[in-house]
Amino acid sequence: MPWSREPHDGWEAPEPAHGGVLHGYQSSRPATKGWTQAETAEYARLWEQWRETAARVHTHRYWHNHRGEDANKARQALKHEPGAQPVLEVEASKPGQDDFAATG
């Protein structure tokens, strides 16, 4: 997705006063037309899915019997149980040519 939701002209950082690039990094962003309606809708859908999943996990009946610090320890322990995995599988696309910035 484009780096900005809204159309933006982008920018090229000015050269540092000392004449070099700060630690090998120079901030810049290309111009972008912003997100499409489909990208905006998908972003909103994913955030809503995340919120619903977080609420489902935090309010699960398992936690009714665990209180305070013990509940936190129990939640953290679940992450390390054999077979622990995300609730939903996410299919990630392979990066394309436009996903990489030229470095020089």
Protein backbone atom coordinates (compact mmCIF):
# COMPACT_ATOMS: atom_id res chain seq x y z
CA MET A 1 0.00 0.00 0.00
CA PRO A 2 1.14 3.56 -0.51
CA TRP A 3 2.91 5.12 2.46
CA SER A 4 0.20 7.78 2.93
CA ARG A 5 -3.58 7.40 3.06
CA GLU A 6 -4.04 10.82 1.52
CA PRO A 7 -2.45 12.11 -1.70
CA HIS A 8 0.92 13.65 -0.88
CA ASP A 9 3.68 15.29 -2.91
CA GLY A 10 6.37 13.42 -0.99
CA TRP A 11 9.69 14.94 0.00
CA GLU A 12 13.42 14.68 -0.32
CA ALA A 13 15.35 15.47 2.85
CA PRO A 14 17.88 18.29 2.59
CA GLU A 15 21.55 17.47 2.88
CA PRO A 16 22.79 17.63 6.49
CA ALA A 17 24.82 20.73 7.37
CA HIS A 18 27.96 18.62 7.92
CA GLY A 19 27.79 17.42 4.31
CA GLY A 20 27.08 13.73 4.83
CA VAL A 21 24.09 11.49 5.25
CA LEU A 22 23.17 10.89 8.88
CA HIS A 23 24.32 7.36 9.73
CA GLY A 24 23.76 6.18 6.17
CA TYR A 25 20.09 7.14 6.17
CA GLN A 26 18.38 9.97 4.38
CA SER A 27 14.65 10.44 4.87
CA SER A 28 12.56 10.75 1.75
CA ARG A 29 9.19 9.65 0.41
CA PRO A 30 7.99 9.52 -3.18
CA ALA A 31 4.80 11.25 -4.27
CA THR A 32 1.69 9.13 -3.78
CA LYS A 33 -1.91 9.24 -4.89
CA GLY A 34 -2.91 7.81 -1.49
CA TRP A 35 -4.97 4.75 -0.74
CA THR A 36 -7.72 3.52 -2.98
CA GLN A 37 -11.22 3.00 -1.56
CA ALA A 38 -10.55 -0.74 -1.59
CA GLU A 39 -7.29 -0.34 0.38
CA THR A 40 -8.99 1.94 2.90
CA ALA A 41 -11.84 -0.55 3.32
CA GLU A 42 -9.43 -3.49 3.74
CA TYR A 43 -7.39 -1.60 6.33
CA ALA A 44 -10.56 -0.80 8.29
CA ARG A 45 -11.73 -4.42 8.00
CA LEU A 46 -8.42 -5.78 9.30
CA TRP A 47 -8.37 -3.37 12.26
CA GLU A 48 -11.95 -4.32 13.13
CA GLN A 49 -11.01 -8.00 12.90
CA TRP A 50 -8.04 -7.35 15.21
CA ARG A 51 -10.25 -5.55 17.75
CA GLU A 52 -12.84 -8.34 17.72
CA THR A 53 -10.17 -11.02 18.13
CA ALA A 54 -8.48 -9.13 20.97
CA ALA A 55 -11.80 -8.72 22.75
CA ARG A 56 -12.60 -12.41 22.26
CA VAL A 57 -9.24 -13.43 23.74
CA HIS A 58 -9.40 -11.02 26.68
CA THR A 59 -12.97 -11.93 27.60
CA HIS A 60 -12.65 -15.69 27.05
CA ARG A 61 -14.15 -17.81 29.83
CA TYR A 62 -10.70 -19.26 30.59
CA TRP A 63 -9.68 -15.97 32.20
CA HIS A 64 -12.67 -15.81 34.58
CA ASN A 65 -10.81 -18.15 36.93
CA HIS A 66 -7.52 -16.24 36.71
CA ARG A 67 -7.10 -12.88 38.36
CA GLY A 68 -4.38 -10.26 38.66
CA GLU A 69 -0.75 -11.13 38.06
CA ASP A 70 -1.52 -14.84 37.80
CA ALA A 71 -3.77 -14.14 34.81
CA ASN A 72 -0.98 -12.27 33.05
CA LYS A 73 1.48 -15.08 33.71
CA ALA A 74 -1.04 -17.61 32.42
CA ARG A 75 -1.63 -15.59 29.22
CA GLN A 76 2.10 -15.33 28.59
CA ALA A 77 2.59 -19.05 29.23
CA LEU A 78 0.01 -19.89 26.54
CA LYS A 79 2.24 -18.31 23.91
CA HIS A 80 4.85 -20.98 24.58
CA GLU A 81 2.55 -23.99 24.64
CA PRO A 82 3.19 -26.65 21.97
CA GLY A 83 1.00 -25.96 18.96
CA ALA A 84 0.37 -22.31 19.87
CA GLN A 85 -0.54 -20.45 16.70
CA PRO A 86 -2.57 -17.48 15.51
CA VAL A 87 -6.33 -17.95 15.48
CA LEU A 88 -6.60 -16.95 11.83
CA GLU A 89 -4.17 -17.82 9.10
CA VAL A 90 -3.02 -14.79 7.13
CA GLU A 91 -1.91 -15.26 3.56
CA ALA A 92 0.87 -12.80 2.87
CA SER A 93 1.65 -11.79 -0.67
CA LYS A 94 5.20 -11.84 -1.93
CA PRO A 95 6.86 -8.42 -2.11
CA GLY A 96 6.84 -6.80 -5.52
CA GLN A 97 9.35 -4.54 -7.21
CA ASP A 98 7.58 -1.44 -5.88
CA ASP A 99 8.01 -2.65 -2.28
CA PHE A 100 11.75 -1.92 -2.32
CA ALA A 101 13.46 1.43 -2.35
CA ALA A 102 16.67 1.97 -4.27
CA THR A 103 19.66 2.57 -2.03
CA GLY A 104 22.80 4.23 -3.09
